[in-house]
PDB file of N, CA and C in Angstrom:
ATOM      1  N   MET A   1     105.207 120.290  85.783  1.00  0.00           N
ATOM      2  CA  MET A   1     104.408 119.016  85.769  1.00  0.00           C
ATOM      3  C   MET A   1     104.818 118.387  86.347  1.00  0.00           C
ATOM      4  N   PHE A   2     104.309 117.606  86.622  1.00  0.00           N
ATOM      5  CA  PHE A   2     104.749 116.089  87.752  1.00  0.00           C
ATOM      6  C   PHE A   2     104.712 114.983  86.006  1.00  0.00           C
ATOM      7  N   ASN A   3     105.468 114.342  85.868  1.00  0.00           N
ATOM      8  CA  ASN A   3     105.872 113.225  84.940  1.00  0.00           C
ATOM      9  C   ASN A   3     106.070 112.063  85.987  1.00  0.00           C
ATOM     10  N   ARG A   4     105.057 110.930  85.785  1.00  0.00           N
ATOM     11  CA  ARG A   4     104.789 109.535  86.587  1.00  0.00           C
ATOM     12  C   ARG A   4     106.102 108.503  85.840  1.00  0.00           C
ATOM     13  N   TYR A   5     106.393 108.932  84.808  1.00  0.00           N
ATOM     14  CA  TYR A   5     107.677 107.942  84.585  1.00  0.00           C
ATOM     15  C   TYR A   5     109.318 108.552  84.833  1.00  0.00           C
ATOM     16  N   LYS A   6     109.397 110.065  85.406  1.00  0.00           N
ATOM     17  CA  LYS A   6     110.692 110.757  85.589  1.00  0.00           C
ATOM     18  C   LYS A   6     111.322 109.600  86.169  1.00  0.00           C
ATOM     19  N   ASP A   7     110.616 108.468  87.558  1.00  0.00           N
ATOM     20  CA  ASP A   7     111.680 107.842  87.947  1.00  0.00           C
ATOM     21  C   ASP A   7     111.605 106.659  87.412  1.00  0.00           C
ATOM     22  N   ALA A   8     110.613 106.380  86.592  1.00  0.00           N
ATOM     23  CA  ALA A   8     110.973 105.253  86.056  1.00  0.00           C
ATOM     24  C   ALA A   8     111.861 104.005  85.721  1.00  0.00           C
ATOM     25  N   ARG A   9     112.338 102.572  86.238  1.00  0.00           N
ATOM     26  CA  ARG A   9     113.263 102.329  85.903  1.00  0.00           C
ATOM     27  C   ARG A   9     113.079 101.247  84.463  1.00  0.00           C
ATOM     28  N   ILE A  10     114.094 101.281  83.113  1.00  0.00           N
ATOM     29  CA  ILE A  10     113.624 101.190  82.134  1.00  0.00           C
ATOM     30  C   ILE A  10     114.819 100.275  81.952  1.00  0.00           C
ATOM     31  N   LYS A  11     114.866  98.602  81.363  1.00  0.00           N
ATOM     32  CA  LYS A  11     116.142  97.493  81.454  1.00  0.00           C
ATOM     33  C   LYS A  11     116.102  97.449  80.082  1.00  0.00           C
ATOM     34  N   LYS A  12     117.044  97.315  79.352  1.00  0.00           N
ATOM     35  CA  LYS A  12     117.436  96.661  77.595  1.00  0.00           C
ATOM     36  C   LYS A  12     117.333  94.986  78.016  1.00  0.00           C
ATOM     37  N   THR A  13     116.776  95.032  76.973  1.00  0.00           N
ATOM     38  CA  THR A  13     117.573  92.970  76.554  1.00  0.00           C
ATOM     39  C   THR A  13     118.031  93.019  75.605  1.00  0.00           C
ATOM     40  N   ALA A  14     118.840  91.719  75.081  1.00  0.00           N
ATOM     41  CA  ALA A  14     120.277  91.460  74.573  1.00  0.00           C
ATOM     42  C   ALA A  14     119.694  91.979  73.090  1.00  0.00           C
ATOM     43  N   ASN A  15     118.562  92.027  72.765  1.00  0.00           N
ATOM     44  CA  ASN A  15     118.795  92.406  71.483  1.00  0.00           C
ATOM     45  C   ASN A  15     117.674  93.699  71.517  1.00  0.00           C
ATOM     46  N   ASN A  16     117.813  94.772  71.899  1.00  0.00           N
ATOM     47  CA  ASN A  16     117.882  95.768  72.583  1.00  0.00           C
ATOM     48  C   ASN A  16     116.486  96.609  72.748  1.00  0.00           C
ATOM     49  N   ASP A  17     115.606  95.369  73.022  1.00  0.00           N
ATOM     50  CA  ASP A  17     114.427  96.201  73.483  1.00  0.00           C
ATOM     51  C   ASP A  17     114.067  96.321  75.080  1.00  0.00           C
ATOM     52  N   ARG A  18     113.354  96.878  74.754  1.00  0.00           N
ATOM     53  CA  ARG A  18     113.247  97.885  76.732  1.00  0.00           C
ATOM     54  C   ARG A  18     111.651  98.119  77.060  1.00  0.00           C
ATOM     55  N   TYR A  19     112.106  98.011  78.233  1.00  0.00           N
ATOM     56  CA  TYR A  19     110.021  97.702  79.113  1.00  0.00           C
ATOM     57  C   TYR A  19     111.460  98.436  81.158  1.00  0.00           C
ATOM     58  N   PHE A  20     109.584  98.355  80.931  1.00  0.00           N
ATOM     59  CA  PHE A  20     109.653  99.404  82.772  1.00  0.00           C
ATOM     60  C   PHE A  20     110.068  97.725  83.201  1.00  0.00           C
ATOM     61  N   LYS A  21     110.690  98.267  84.519  1.00  0.00           N
ATOM     62  CA  LYS A  21     111.370  96.999  85.321  1.00  0.00           C
ATOM     63  C   LYS A  21     109.527  97.312  86.322  1.00  0.00           C
ATOM     64  N   PRO A  22     109.520  96.367  86.815  1.00  0.00           N
ATOM     65  CA  PRO A  22     108.308  96.469  88.225  1.00  0.00           C
ATOM     66  C   PRO A  22     108.807  97.159  89.241  1.00  0.00           C
ATOM     67  N   THR A  23     107.782  97.925  90.252  1.00  0.00           N
ATOM     68  CA  THR A  23     108.396  98.590  90.908  1.00  0.00           C
ATOM     69  C   THR A  23     107.798  97.740  92.380  1.00  0.00           C
ATOM     70  N   PHE A  24     108.599  97.967  93.203  1.00  0.00           N
ATOM     71  CA  PHE A  24     108.257  96.656  94.503  1.00  0.00           C
ATOM     72  C   PHE A  24     108.136  97.836  96.107  1.00  0.00           C
ATOM     73  N   TYR A  25     106.321  97.772  96.339  1.00  0.00           N
ATOM     74  CA  TYR A  25     106.233  98.732  97.614  1.00  0.00           C
ATOM     75  C   TYR A  25     106.371  98.018  98.638  1.00  0.00           C
ATOM     76  N   PRO A  26     107.132  98.372  99.813  1.00  0.00           N
ATOM     77  CA  PRO A  26     107.123  97.620 101.271  1.00  0.00           C
ATOM     78  C   PRO A  26     105.654  97.304 101.574  1.00  0.00           C
ATOM     79  N   LYS A  27     105.434  96.603 103.064  1.00  0.00           N
ATOM     80  CA  LYS A  27     104.452  96.615 103.923  1.00  0.00           C
ATOM     81  C   LYS A  27     104.964  97.934 104.758  1.00  0.00           C
ATOM     82  N   ILE A  28     103.875  98.257 104.533  1.00  0.00           N
ATOM     83  CA  ILE A  28     103.726  99.174 106.239  1.00  0.00           C
ATOM     84  C   ILE A  28     102.856  98.474 107.083  1.00  0.00           C
ATOM     85  N   ASP A  29     103.497  98.386 108.008  1.00  0.00           N
ATOM     86  CA  ASP A  29     102.986  97.637 109.051  1.00  0.00           C
ATOM     87  C   ASP A  29     102.790  99.248 110.323  1.00  0.00           C
ATOM     88  N   GLU A  30     101.600  98.697 110.683  1.00  0.00           N
ATOM     89  CA  GLU A  30     101.161  99.904 111.650  1.00  0.00           C
ATOM     90  C   GLU A  30     102.003 100.055 113.034  1.00  0.00           C
ATOM     91  N   LYS A  31     101.998 102.016 113.326  1.00  0.00           N
ATOM     92  CA  LYS A  31     102.827 102.238 114.788  1.00  0.00           C
ATOM     93  C   LYS A  31     102.301 103.710 115.399  1.00  0.00           C
ATOM     94  N   ASP A  32     102.272 102.668 115.884  1.00  0.00           N
ATOM     95  CA  ASP A  32     101.702 104.319 117.075  1.00  0.00           C
ATOM     96  C   ASP A  32     101.767 104.996 117.256  1.00  0.00           C
ATOM     97  N   SER A  33     102.869 105.682 116.054  1.00  0.00           N
ATOM     98  CA  SER A  33     103.400 106.940 115.877  1.00  0.00           C
ATOM     99  C   SER A  33     102.706 107.124 115.019  1.00  0.00           C
ATOM    100  N   ASP A  34     101.475 106.340 114.414  1.00  0.00           N
ATOM    101  CA  ASP A  34     100.747 106.685 113.508  1.00  0.00           C
ATOM    102  C   ASP A  34     100.083 107.300 113.291  1.00  0.00           C
ATOM    103  N   ILE A  35      99.665 108.585 112.575  1.00  0.00           N
ATOM    104  CA  ILE A  35      98.883 109.478 113.319  1.00  0.00           C
ATOM    105  C   ILE A  35      96.902 108.795 112.461  1.00  0.00           C
ATOM    106  N   MET A  36      96.095 109.155 112.712  1.00  0.00           N
ATOM    107  CA  MET A  36      94.772 109.502 111.761  1.00  0.00           C
ATOM    108  C   MET A  36      94.265 110.193 111.782  1.00  0.00           C
ATOM    109  N   HIS A  37      93.742 109.827 110.455  1.00  0.00           N
ATOM    110  CA  HIS A  37      93.475 111.295 109.883  1.00  0.00           C
ATOM    111  C   HIS A  37      91.616 111.062 109.139  1.00  0.00           C
ATOM    112  N   PHE A  38      90.653 112.271 109.312  1.00  0.00           N
ATOM    113  CA  PHE A  38      89.792 111.965 108.573  1.00  0.00           C
ATOM    114  C   PHE A  38      89.520 113.366 107.544  1.00  0.00           C
ATOM    115  N   VAL A  39      89.593 112.223 106.308  1.00  0.00           N
ATOM    116  CA  VAL A  39      88.829 112.657 105.192  1.00  0.00           C
ATOM    117  C   VAL A  39      88.224 114.164 105.229  1.00  0.00           C
ATOM    118  N   VAL A  40      88.224 114.893 104.316  1.00  0.00           N
ATOM    119  CA  VAL A  40      87.465 116.575 104.408  1.00  0.00           C
ATOM    120  C   VAL A  40      87.570 116.584 102.542  1.00  0.00           C
ATOM    121  N   GLU A  41      86.353 116.861 102.415  1.00  0.00           N
ATOM    122  CA  GLU A  41      85.512 117.138 100.717  1.00  0.00           C
ATOM    123  C   GLU A  41      87.148 117.525 100.174  1.00  0.00           C
ATOM    124  N   GLY A  42      87.405 116.889  99.138  1.00  0.00           N
ATOM    125  CA  GLY A  42      88.472 117.327  98.390  1.00  0.00           C
ATOM    126  C   GLY A  42      90.182 117.303  98.117  1.00  0.00           C
ATOM    127  N   GLU A  43      89.952 116.754  99.413  1.00  0.00           N
ATOM    128  CA  GLU A  43      91.460 116.082  99.778  1.00  0.00           C
ATOM    129  C   GLU A  43      92.053 114.898  98.786  1.00  0.00           C
ATOM    130  N   ARG A  44      92.680 114.785  98.546  1.00  0.00           N
ATOM    131  CA  ARG A  44      93.616 113.134  97.991  1.00  0.00           C
ATOM    132  C   ARG A  44      94.517 112.750  98.788  1.00  0.00           C
ATOM    133  N   LEU A  45      95.165 111.931  98.045  1.00  0.00           N
ATOM    134  CA  LEU A  45      96.624 111.711  98.172  1.00  0.00           C
ATOM    135  C   LEU A  45      98.141 111.655  98.559  1.00  0.00           C
ATOM    136  N   ASP A  46      98.055 112.688  97.010  1.00  0.00           N
ATOM    137  CA  ASP A  46      99.195 113.654  96.562  1.00  0.00           C
ATOM    138  C   ASP A  46      98.677 114.318  97.413  1.00  0.00           C
ATOM    139  N   LEU A  47      97.724 115.350  98.133  1.00  0.00           N
ATOM    140  CA  LEU A  47      97.809 116.572  98.960  1.00  0.00           C
ATOM    141  C   LEU A  47      98.100 116.760 100.389  1.00  0.00           C
ATOM    142  N   LEU A  48      96.914 115.271 100.652  1.00  0.00           N
ATOM    143  CA  LEU A  48      97.613 114.606 102.067  1.00  0.00           C
ATOM    144  C   LEU A  48      99.715 114.289 102.618  1.00  0.00           C
ATOM    145  N   SER A  49     100.307 113.462 101.301  1.00  0.00           N
ATOM    146  CA  SER A  49     101.166 113.533 101.660  1.00  0.00           C
ATOM    147  C   SER A  49     102.605 115.064 101.201  1.00  0.00           C
ATOM    148  N   HIS A  50     101.856 116.589 100.840  1.00  0.00           N
ATOM    149  CA  HIS A  50     102.224 117.240 100.538  1.00  0.00           C
ATOM    150  C   HIS A  50     102.541 117.572 101.585  1.00  0.00           C
ATOM    151  N   LYS A  51     100.980 117.218 102.651  1.00  0.00           N
ATOM    152  CA  LYS A  51     100.644 118.219 103.672  1.00  0.00           C
ATOM    153  C   LYS A  51     101.604 117.462 105.015  1.00  0.00           C
ATOM    154  N   TYR A  52     101.829 115.957 104.689  1.00  0.00           N
ATOM    155  CA  TYR A  52     102.235 115.519 105.949  1.00  0.00           C
ATOM    156  C   TYR A  52     103.785 115.293 105.712  1.00  0.00           C
ATOM    157  N   TYR A  53     104.225 114.818 104.736  1.00  0.00           N
ATOM    158  CA  TYR A  53     105.561 114.722 104.001  1.00  0.00           C
ATOM    159  C   TYR A  53     106.517 116.159 103.626  1.00  0.00           C
ATOM    160  N   GLY A  54     105.415 116.316 102.648  1.00  0.00           N
ATOM    161  CA  GLY A  54     106.441 118.004 102.283  1.00  0.00           C
ATOM    162  C   GLY A  54     106.602 117.599 100.731  1.00  0.00           C
ATOM    163  N   ASP A  55     105.812 116.151 100.216  1.00  0.00           N
ATOM    164  CA  ASP A  55     106.865 115.792  98.932  1.00  0.00           C
ATOM    165  C   ASP A  55     105.087 115.261  98.277  1.00  0.00           C
ATOM    166  N   ILE A  56     104.421 115.848  97.541  1.00  0.00           N
ATOM    167  CA  ILE A  56     103.321 115.112  96.714  1.00  0.00           C
ATOM    168  C   ILE A  56     103.888 113.593  96.147  1.00  0.00           C
ATOM    169  N   ASN A  57     104.922 113.315  96.001  1.00  0.00           N
ATOM    170  CA  ASN A  57     105.791 111.921  95.375  1.00  0.00           C
ATOM    171  C   ASN A  57     105.572 110.944  96.053  1.00  0.00           C
ATOM    172  N   LEU A  58     105.156 111.076  97.573  1.00  0.00           N
ATOM    173  CA  LEU A  58     105.330 110.579  98.427  1.00  0.00           C
ATOM    174  C   LEU A  58     103.923 109.370  98.530  1.00  0.00           C
ATOM    175  N   TRP A  59     102.770 109.546  97.772  1.00  0.00           N
ATOM    176  CA  TRP A  59     101.300 109.492  97.954  1.00  0.00           C
ATOM    177  C   TRP A  59     101.414 107.792  98.006  1.00  0.00           C
ATOM    178  N   TRP A  60     101.790 107.791  97.706  1.00  0.00           N
ATOM    179  CA  TRP A  60     101.818 106.054  97.620  1.00  0.00           C
ATOM    180  C   TRP A  60     102.634 105.343  99.106  1.00  0.00           C
ATOM    181  N   ILE A  61     102.799 106.020  99.125  1.00  0.00           N
ATOM    182  CA  ILE A  61     102.665 106.037 101.362  1.00  0.00           C
ATOM    183  C   ILE A  61     101.634 105.654 102.232  1.00  0.00           C
ATOM    184  N   ILE A  62     100.529 106.519 101.866  1.00  0.00           N
ATOM    185  CA  ILE A  62      99.366 105.936 102.781  1.00  0.00           C
ATOM    186  C   ILE A  62      98.367 105.663 101.948  1.00  0.00           C
ATOM    187  N   SER A  63      98.538 105.480 100.551  1.00  0.00           N
ATOM    188  CA  SER A  63      97.721 104.540  99.512  1.00  0.00           C
ATOM    189  C   SER A  63      97.953 103.094 100.200  1.00  0.00           C
ATOM    190  N   LYS A  64      99.282 102.733 100.503  1.00  0.00           N
ATOM    191  CA  LYS A  64      99.938 101.282 101.000  1.00  0.00           C
ATOM    192  C   LYS A  64      99.899 101.032 102.253  1.00  0.00           C
ATOM    193  N   ALA A  65      99.457 102.108 103.140  1.00  0.00           N
ATOM    194  CA  ALA A  65      99.222 101.958 104.041  1.00  0.00           C
ATOM    195  C   ALA A  65      98.155 101.287 104.638  1.00  0.00           C
ATOM    196  N   ASN A  66      96.942 102.023 104.386  1.00  0.00           N
ATOM    197  CA  ASN A  66      95.482 102.352 103.771  1.00  0.00           C
ATOM    198  C   ASN A  66      95.323 100.438 102.770  1.00  0.00           C
ATOM    199  N   GLY A  67      95.841 100.505 102.075  1.00  0.00           N
ATOM    200  CA  GLY A  67      95.059  99.057 101.993  1.00  0.00           C
ATOM    201  C   GLY A  67      94.572  99.747 100.556  1.00  0.00           C
ATOM    202  N   LEU A  68      94.485 100.873  99.839  1.00  0.00           N
ATOM    203  CA  LEU A  68      93.492 101.455  98.790  1.00  0.00           C
ATOM    204  C   LEU A  68      94.448 100.961  97.453  1.00  0.00           C
ATOM    205  N   ASP A  69      93.493 100.813  96.284  1.00  0.00           N
ATOM    206  CA  ASP A  69      93.696 100.745  95.025  1.00  0.00           C
ATOM    207  C   ASP A  69      94.530 101.809  94.142  1.00  0.00           C
ATOM    208  N   PRO A  70      95.752 101.518  94.166  1.00  0.00           N
ATOM    209  CA  PRO A  70      96.682 102.038  93.532  1.00  0.00           C
ATOM    210  C   PRO A  70      96.469 103.310  92.844  1.00  0.00           C
ATOM    211  N   SER A  71      95.021 102.919  91.944  1.00  0.00           N
ATOM    212  CA  SER A  71      94.767 103.599  90.995  1.00  0.00           C
ATOM    213  C   SER A  71      94.275 104.609  91.012  1.00  0.00           C
ATOM    214  N   ILE A  72      93.387 104.746  92.119  1.00  0.00           N
ATOM    215  CA  ILE A  72      92.697 106.042  92.252  1.00  0.00           C
ATOM    216  C   ILE A  72      93.555 106.550  93.752  1.00  0.00           C
ATOM    217  N   ILE A  73      93.262 108.214  93.312  1.00  0.00           N
ATOM    218  CA  ILE A  73      94.512 109.417  94.485  1.00  0.00           C
ATOM    219  C   ILE A  73      93.276 110.074  95.113  1.00  0.00           C
ATOM    220  N   GLY A  74      92.056 110.073  94.443  1.00  0.00           N
ATOM    221  CA  GLY A  74      91.210 110.562  95.503  1.00  0.00           C
ATOM    222  C   GLY A  74      90.423 109.693  96.587  1.00  0.00           C
ATOM    223  N   LEU A  75      89.744 110.496  97.566  1.00  0.00           N
ATOM    224  CA  LEU A  75      89.241 110.195  98.784  1.00  0.00           C
ATOM    225  C   LEU A  75      87.968 110.360  99.366  1.00  0.00           C
ATOM    226  N   LYS A  76      87.408 109.298  99.556  1.00  0.00           N
ATOM    227  CA  LYS A  76      85.861 109.709 100.285  1.00  0.00           C
ATOM    228  C   LYS A  76      85.768 110.822 101.149  1.00  0.00           C
ATOM    229  N   PRO A  77      85.054 111.824 101.603  1.00  0.00           N
ATOM    230  CA  PRO A  77      85.010 112.240 102.451  1.00  0.00           C
ATOM    231  C   PRO A  77      84.584 112.047 103.576  1.00  0.00           C
ATOM    232  N   ALA A  78      85.144 112.297 104.337  1.00  0.00           N
ATOM    233  CA  ALA A  78      84.801 111.076 106.180  1.00  0.00           C
ATOM    234  C   ALA A  78      84.962 109.962 106.150  1.00  0.00           C
ATOM    235  N   GLN A  79      86.126 109.703 105.258  1.00  0.00           N
ATOM    236  CA  GLN A  79      86.803 107.931 105.068  1.00  0.00           C
ATOM    237  C   GLN A  79      87.978 108.343 106.196  1.00  0.00           C
ATOM    238  N   GLU A  80      88.018 107.363 107.943  1.00  0.00           N
ATOM    239  CA  GLU A  80      89.871 107.705 108.246  1.00  0.00           C
ATOM    240  C   GLU A  80      90.997 106.687 107.531  1.00  0.00           C
ATOM    241  N   ILE A  81      91.744 107.294 107.519  1.00  0.00           N
ATOM    242  CA  ILE A  81      92.453 106.521 106.623  1.00  0.00           C
ATOM    243  C   ILE A  81      93.816 106.798 107.848  1.00  0.00           C
ATOM    244  N   ARG A  82      94.810 106.423 107.804  1.00  0.00           N
ATOM    245  CA  ARG A  82      96.205 105.944 108.791  1.00  0.00           C
ATOM    246  C   ARG A  82      97.573 106.590 108.133  1.00  0.00           C
ATOM    247  N   ILE A  83      97.849 107.970 108.415  1.00  0.00           N
ATOM    248  CA  ILE A  83      99.264 108.298 107.852  1.00  0.00           C
ATOM    249  C   ILE A  83     100.800 107.519 108.454  1.00  0.00           C
ATOM    250  N   PRO A  84     101.573 107.381 107.705  1.00  0.00           N
ATOM    251  CA  PRO A  84     102.832 106.503 108.942  1.00  0.00           C
ATOM    252  C   PRO A  84     103.811 108.084 108.719  1.00  0.00           C
ATOM    253  N   THR A  85     104.328 107.713 110.139  1.00  0.00           N
ATOM    254  CA  THR A  85     105.148 108.804 110.485  1.00  0.00           C
ATOM    255  C   THR A  85     106.849 108.444 110.754  1.00  0.00           C
ATOM    256  N   ASP A  86     106.954 107.127 110.184  1.00  0.00           N
ATOM    257  CA  ASP A  86     108.473 106.500 110.009  1.00  0.00           C
ATOM    258  C   ASP A  86     108.866 107.243 108.334  1.00  0.00           C
ATOM    259  N   VAL A  87     108.755 107.388 107.828  1.00  0.00           N
ATOM    260  CA  VAL A  87     109.198 107.398 106.390  1.00  0.00           C
ATOM    261  C   VAL A  87     110.274 107.056 106.115  1.00  0.00           C
ATOM    262  N   GLY A  88     111.117 107.867 107.168  1.00  0.00           N
ATOM    263  CA  GLY A  88     112.754 107.501 106.216  1.00  0.00           C
ATOM    264  C   GLY A  88     112.649 105.476 106.352  1.00  0.00           C
ATOM    265  N   GLU A  89     112.351 105.026 107.167  1.00  0.00           N
ATOM    266  CA  GLU A  89     112.109 103.982 107.783  1.00  0.00           C
ATOM    267  C   GLU A  89     111.738 103.366 106.099  1.00  0.00           C
ATOM    268  N   ILE A  90     110.573 103.641 105.577  1.00  0.00           N
ATOM    269  CA  ILE A  90     110.007 102.745 104.580  1.00  0.00           C
ATOM    270  C   ILE A  90     110.440 103.092 103.393  1.00  0.00           C
ATOM    271  N   ILE A  91     110.910 104.103 103.178  1.00  0.00           N
ATOM    272  CA  ILE A  91     111.722 105.012 101.761  1.00  0.00           C
ATOM    273  C   ILE A  91     113.029 104.248 101.947  1.00  0.00           C
ATOM    274  N   ARG A  92     113.430 103.558 102.987  1.00  0.00           N
ATOM    275  CA  ARG A  92     115.017 102.707 103.152  1.00  0.00           C
ATOM    276  C   ARG A  92     114.372 101.564 102.348  1.00  0.00           C
ATOM    277  N   SER A  93     113.343 100.875 102.889  1.00  0.00           N
ATOM    278  CA  SER A  93     112.587  99.505 102.691  1.00  0.00           C
ATOM    279  C   SER A  93     111.961  99.363 101.020  1.00  0.00           C
ATOM    280  N   PHE A  94     111.595 100.742 101.074  1.00  0.00           N
ATOM    281  CA  PHE A  94     111.614 100.860  99.244  1.00  0.00           C
ATOM    282  C   PHE A  94     112.634 100.681  98.496  1.00  0.00           C
ATOM    283  N   ASN A  95     114.112 101.376  99.115  1.00  0.00           N
ATOM    284  CA  ASN A  95     114.636 101.943  97.551  1.00  0.00           C
ATOM    285  C   ASN A  95     115.777 100.039  97.813  1.00  0.00           C
ATOM    286  N   SER A  96     115.865  99.491  99.009  1.00  0.00           N
ATOM    287  CA  SER A  96     116.446  98.772  99.607  1.00  0.00           C
ATOM    288  C   SER A  96     115.976  97.012  98.469  1.00  0.00           C
ATOM    289  N   GLU A  97     114.779  97.108  98.338  1.00  0.00           N
ATOM    290  CA  GLU A  97     113.367  96.706  97.464  1.00  0.00           C
ATOM    291  C   GLU A  97     113.597  96.570  96.047  1.00  0.00           C
ATOM    292  N   ASN A  98     113.862  97.518  95.795  1.00  0.00           N
ATOM    293  CA  ASN A  98     114.024  97.403  93.901  1.00  0.00           C
ATOM    294  C   ASN A  98     115.301  98.498  94.004  1.00  0.00           C
ATOM    295  N   MET A  99     116.374  98.316  94.754  1.00  0.00           N
ATOM    296  CA  MET A  99     117.390  97.744  94.089  1.00  0.00           C
ATOM    297  C   MET A  99     118.105  97.330  93.036  1.00  0.00           C
ATOM    298  N   GLU A 100     118.532  98.055  91.703  1.00  0.00           N
ATOM    299  CA  GLU A 100     119.065  97.213  89.937  1.00  0.00           C
ATOM    300  C   GLU A 100     119.692  95.472  90.587  1.00  0.00           C
TER     301      GLU A 100
END
């Protein structure tokens, strides 16, 4: 089962209060190697990230690259979206921005 809080970073204050640390997502520049994808009925960000990256948890890359609302995972049919292909660089940037 998918657990959206599995990788959440938790911070404790001096008096032992706990809260989730914010997650920062890198800017994803357009590149010539990006793939343009026309959405068909029933496609979602998580399904596309599985198709192109082999990992449903990387849906945020497609969302961020296209300036989509991160609270919406569904897509409209016939919508053209950009699929970044240099995922390694994006993930390194993500990890760098979210180091402890």
